[in-house]
C-alpha cells in the first residue's frame, strides 16, 4: 500500500484479514487514514444523493404541449407549466 510503504500484494476487501490490517501498521499513519475515511464518507454521501435524484427523475413526468409559433404555419412543442410537473 503506497501510503504505508507496505506491499501486501492485491488487497481484496472480501478476503482482507485482521492480520493484514495489522501488517499495514495503520496506527503509524493516523492522518492519512482519517483523510481517506473522510473522502470515502463524502463519496458515499454523494452516491446516495445521486441515487435519490435518479429515483425522483425516473418518477417525474412532463406534459408536452403543441404550440403554433409566429411566422409560417409551423407547430412546435413546449413543456407545460412547471406547476404541472408530477
N, C-alpha and C. Protein backbone atom coordinates (compact mmCIF):
# COMPACT_ATOMS: atom_id res chain seq x y z
N UNK A 1 0.85 -1.16 0.00
CA UNK A 1 0.00 0.00 0.00
C UNK A 1 0.90 1.23 0.00
N UNK A 2 0.69 2.05 -0.96
CA UNK A 2 1.56 3.22 -1.20
C UNK A 2 1.68 4.12 0.03
N UNK A 3 0.57 4.39 0.71
CA UNK A 3 0.57 5.32 1.83
C UNK A 3 1.38 4.81 3.02
N UNK A 4 1.45 3.50 3.20
CA UNK A 4 2.15 2.95 4.36
C UNK A 4 3.54 2.43 4.00
N UNK A 5 3.83 2.31 2.72
CA UNK A 5 5.11 1.77 2.30
C UNK A 5 5.17 0.25 2.43
N UNK A 6 4.05 -0.38 2.69
CA UNK A 6 3.99 -1.83 2.84
C UNK A 6 3.40 -2.44 1.57
N UNK A 7 3.99 -3.52 1.10
CA UNK A 7 3.49 -4.21 -0.09
C UNK A 7 2.86 -5.53 0.35
N UNK A 8 1.54 -5.53 0.38
CA UNK A 8 0.83 -6.76 0.76
C UNK A 8 0.21 -7.44 -0.45
N UNK A 9 0.60 -6.99 -1.62
CA UNK A 9 0.01 -7.54 -2.83
C UNK A 9 -1.37 -6.98 -3.05
N UNK A 10 -2.17 -7.69 -3.78
CA UNK A 10 -3.55 -7.27 -4.07
C UNK A 10 -4.38 -7.33 -2.79
N UNK A 11 -5.01 -6.23 -2.44
CA UNK A 11 -5.87 -6.22 -1.26
C UNK A 11 -7.31 -6.30 -1.74
N UNK A 12 -7.95 -7.41 -1.38
CA UNK A 12 -9.34 -7.64 -1.75
C UNK A 12 -10.19 -7.49 -0.49
N UNK A 13 -11.14 -6.53 -0.48
CA UNK A 13 -11.95 -6.33 0.73
C UNK A 13 -12.69 -7.57 1.19
N UNK A 14 -12.99 -8.49 0.28
CA UNK A 14 -13.72 -9.71 0.64
C UNK A 14 -12.83 -10.71 1.37
N UNK A 15 -11.53 -10.64 1.16
CA UNK A 15 -10.63 -11.60 1.79
C UNK A 15 -9.64 -10.94 2.75
N UNK A 16 -9.82 -9.66 3.02
CA UNK A 16 -8.93 -8.93 3.92
C UNK A 16 -9.06 -9.47 5.34
N UNK A 17 -7.94 -9.78 5.94
CA UNK A 17 -7.94 -10.32 7.31
C UNK A 17 -7.43 -9.27 8.27
N UNK A 18 -7.72 -9.46 9.53
CA UNK A 18 -7.24 -8.55 10.57
C UNK A 18 -5.71 -8.56 10.61
N UNK A 19 -5.12 -9.70 10.36
CA UNK A 19 -3.66 -9.80 10.35
C UNK A 19 -3.06 -8.89 9.27
N UNK A 20 -3.69 -8.86 8.09
CA UNK A 20 -3.20 -7.99 7.02
C UNK A 20 -3.35 -6.52 7.39
N UNK A 21 -4.45 -6.20 8.08
CA UNK A 21 -4.66 -4.82 8.53
C UNK A 21 -3.55 -4.43 9.50
N UNK A 22 -3.24 -5.32 10.44
CA UNK A 22 -2.15 -5.03 11.39
C UNK A 22 -0.81 -4.92 10.68
N UNK A 23 -0.60 -5.71 9.64
CA UNK A 23 0.65 -5.65 8.87
C UNK A 23 0.84 -4.29 8.19
N UNK A 24 -0.25 -3.60 7.92
CA UNK A 24 -0.16 -2.27 7.29
C UNK A 24 0.34 -1.21 8.26
N UNK A 25 0.29 -1.50 9.54
CA UNK A 25 0.72 -0.56 10.59
C UNK A 25 0.01 0.78 10.44
N UNK A 26 -1.31 0.72 10.30
CA UNK A 26 -2.11 1.92 10.12
C UNK A 26 -2.02 2.88 11.30
N UNK A 27 -1.72 2.37 12.48
CA UNK A 27 -1.59 3.23 13.65
C UNK A 27 -0.48 4.28 13.46
N UNK A 28 0.44 4.01 12.56
CA UNK A 28 1.53 4.96 12.30
C UNK A 28 1.16 5.98 11.21
N UNK A 29 -0.04 5.87 10.68
CA UNK A 29 -0.47 6.75 9.58
C UNK A 29 -1.86 7.30 9.85
N UNK A 30 -2.06 7.78 11.07
CA UNK A 30 -3.38 8.22 11.52
C UNK A 30 -3.96 9.33 10.64
N UNK A 31 -3.15 10.31 10.28
CA UNK A 31 -3.65 11.43 9.47
C UNK A 31 -4.13 10.95 8.10
N UNK A 32 -3.37 10.08 7.46
CA UNK A 32 -3.73 9.56 6.15
C UNK A 32 -4.99 8.71 6.23
N UNK A 33 -5.11 7.89 7.27
CA UNK A 33 -6.30 7.05 7.46
C UNK A 33 -7.53 7.94 7.64
N UNK A 34 -7.41 9.00 8.43
CA UNK A 34 -8.53 9.92 8.63
C UNK A 34 -8.90 10.62 7.33
N UNK A 35 -7.91 11.02 6.56
CA UNK A 35 -8.16 11.68 5.28
C UNK A 35 -8.91 10.76 4.31
N UNK A 36 -8.44 9.52 4.20
CA UNK A 36 -9.08 8.54 3.31
C UNK A 36 -10.50 8.24 3.78
N UNK A 37 -10.68 8.10 5.10
CA UNK A 37 -12.01 7.82 5.65
C UNK A 37 -12.97 8.96 5.37
N UNK A 38 -12.50 10.19 5.52
CA UNK A 38 -13.34 11.36 5.27
C UNK A 38 -13.75 11.40 3.79
N UNK A 39 -12.80 11.15 2.89
CA UNK A 39 -13.10 11.15 1.46
C UNK A 39 -14.10 10.05 1.12
N UNK A 40 -13.96 8.89 1.74
CA UNK A 40 -14.87 7.78 1.48
C UNK A 40 -16.29 8.11 1.95
N UNK A 41 -16.40 8.76 3.11
CA UNK A 41 -17.72 9.15 3.62
C UNK A 41 -18.37 10.16 2.69
N UNK A 42 -17.61 11.13 2.20
CA UNK A 42 -18.15 12.13 1.27
C UNK A 42 -18.58 11.47 -0.03
N UNK A 43 -17.79 10.53 -0.52
CA UNK A 43 -18.13 9.83 -1.75
C UNK A 43 -19.44 9.04 -1.58
N UNK A 44 -19.60 8.37 -0.44
CA UNK A 44 -20.82 7.63 -0.17
C UNK A 44 -22.02 8.58 -0.10
N UNK A 45 -21.82 9.72 0.54
CA UNK A 45 -22.88 10.72 0.65
C UNK A 45 -23.31 11.20 -0.74
N UNK A 46 -22.34 11.45 -1.61
CA UNK A 46 -22.64 11.89 -2.98
C UNK A 46 -23.36 10.80 -3.76
N UNK A 47 -22.92 9.56 -3.63
CA UNK A 47 -23.56 8.45 -4.33
C UNK A 47 -25.01 8.28 -3.88
N UNK A 48 -25.26 8.42 -2.58
CA UNK A 48 -26.62 8.31 -2.07
C UNK A 48 -27.49 9.44 -2.61
N UNK A 49 -26.95 10.65 -2.67
CA UNK A 49 -27.71 11.79 -3.19
C UNK A 49 -28.04 11.58 -4.67
N UNK A 50 -27.08 11.09 -5.43
CA UNK A 50 -27.31 10.83 -6.86
C UNK A 50 -28.37 9.75 -7.05
N UNK A 51 -28.34 8.73 -6.21
CA UNK A 51 -29.34 7.66 -6.28
C UNK A 51 -30.74 8.22 -6.01
N UNK A 52 -30.86 9.11 -5.01
CA UNK A 52 -32.15 9.74 -4.70
C UNK A 52 -32.64 10.58 -5.87
N UNK A 53 -31.74 11.39 -6.42
CA UNK A 53 -32.10 12.25 -7.55
C UNK A 53 -32.54 11.40 -8.74
N UNK A 54 -31.82 10.34 -9.01
CA UNK A 54 -32.15 9.44 -10.11
C UNK A 54 -33.54 8.85 -9.92
N UNK A 55 -33.86 8.41 -8.72
CA UNK A 55 -35.17 7.82 -8.44
C UNK A 55 -36.28 8.85 -8.64
N UNK A 56 -36.05 10.08 -8.19
CA UNK A 56 -37.06 11.13 -8.35
C UNK A 56 -37.28 11.43 -9.82
N UNK A 57 -36.21 11.57 -10.60
CA UNK A 57 -36.35 11.89 -12.02
C UNK A 57 -37.02 10.76 -12.78
N UNK A 58 -36.82 9.51 -12.37
CA UNK A 58 -37.47 8.39 -13.04
C UNK A 58 -38.98 8.41 -12.84
N UNK A 59 -39.43 9.04 -11.76
CA UNK A 59 -40.86 9.11 -11.46
C UNK A 59 -41.49 10.41 -11.94
N UNK A 60 -40.69 11.33 -12.43
CA UNK A 60 -41.19 12.63 -12.84
C UNK A 60 -41.66 12.58 -14.29
N UNK A 61 -42.83 13.15 -14.52
CA UNK A 61 -43.32 13.20 -15.90
C UNK A 61 -43.60 14.66 -16.26
N UNK A 62 -43.47 14.96 -17.53
CA UNK A 62 -43.69 16.30 -18.03
C UNK A 62 -44.81 16.27 -19.06
N UNK A 63 -45.61 17.30 -19.05
CA UNK A 63 -46.63 17.43 -20.08
C UNK A 63 -46.01 18.23 -21.22
N UNK A 64 -46.14 17.70 -22.42
CA UNK A 64 -45.63 18.40 -23.60
C UNK A 64 -46.83 18.84 -24.41
N UNK A 65 -46.87 20.14 -24.72
CA UNK A 65 -48.00 20.71 -25.46
C UNK A 65 -47.51 21.19 -26.82
N UNK A 66 -48.37 21.07 -27.78
CA UNK A 66 -48.01 21.63 -29.09
C UNK A 66 -48.41 23.10 -29.09
N UNK A 67 -47.71 23.87 -29.88
CA UNK A 67 -47.98 25.31 -29.95
C UNK A 67 -47.75 25.79 -31.36
N UNK A 68 -48.45 26.82 -31.72
CA UNK A 68 -48.22 27.45 -33.02
C UNK A 68 -47.27 28.61 -32.80
N UNK A 69 -46.22 28.63 -33.56
CA UNK A 69 -45.23 29.69 -33.44
C UNK A 69 -45.54 30.78 -34.44
N UNK A 70 -45.04 31.97 -34.18
CA UNK A 70 -45.23 33.08 -35.13
C UNK A 70 -44.52 32.75 -36.43
N UNK A 71 -45.04 33.24 -37.51
CA UNK A 71 -44.40 33.00 -38.79
C UNK A 71 -45.15 31.94 -39.56
N UNK A 72 -44.44 31.18 -40.37
CA UNK A 72 -45.09 30.15 -41.19
C UNK A 72 -45.86 29.18 -40.30
N UNK A 73 -46.78 28.46 -40.89
CA UNK A 73 -47.59 27.54 -40.07
C UNK A 73 -46.77 26.36 -39.56
N UNK A 74 -45.89 26.63 -38.63
CA UNK A 74 -45.04 25.60 -38.03
C UNK A 74 -45.49 25.39 -36.60
N UNK A 75 -45.71 24.17 -36.25
CA UNK A 75 -46.05 23.87 -34.87
C UNK A 75 -44.80 23.40 -34.14
N UNK A 76 -44.68 23.83 -32.94
CA UNK A 76 -43.56 23.40 -32.12
C UNK A 76 -44.11 22.76 -30.85
N UNK A 77 -43.24 22.43 -29.97
CA UNK A 77 -43.64 21.79 -28.72
C UNK A 77 -43.01 22.52 -27.55
N UNK A 78 -43.75 22.62 -26.47
CA UNK A 78 -43.25 23.24 -25.24
C UNK A 78 -43.66 22.38 -24.06
N UNK A 79 -42.93 22.53 -22.98
CA UNK A 79 -43.32 21.87 -21.74
C UNK A 79 -44.51 22.62 -21.16
N UNK A 80 -45.38 21.88 -20.48
CA UNK A 80 -46.47 22.52 -19.76
C UNK A 80 -45.89 23.33 -18.60
N UNK A 81 -46.74 23.96 -17.86
CA UNK A 81 -46.31 24.78 -16.74
C UNK A 81 -45.49 23.95 -15.73
N UNK A 82 -44.45 24.55 -15.16
CA UNK A 82 -43.67 23.81 -14.15
C UNK A 82 -44.54 23.39 -12.96
N UNK A 83 -45.63 24.13 -12.72
CA UNK A 83 -46.53 23.77 -11.64
C UNK A 83 -47.23 22.46 -11.90
N UNK A 84 -47.28 22.05 -13.17
CA UNK A 84 -47.99 20.83 -13.54
C UNK A 84 -47.08 19.60 -13.55
N UNK A 85 -45.80 19.78 -13.28
CA UNK A 85 -44.87 18.64 -13.27
C UNK A 85 -45.26 17.70 -12.14
N UNK A 86 -45.36 16.42 -12.47
CA UNK A 86 -45.78 15.45 -11.46
C UNK A 86 -44.75 14.34 -11.37
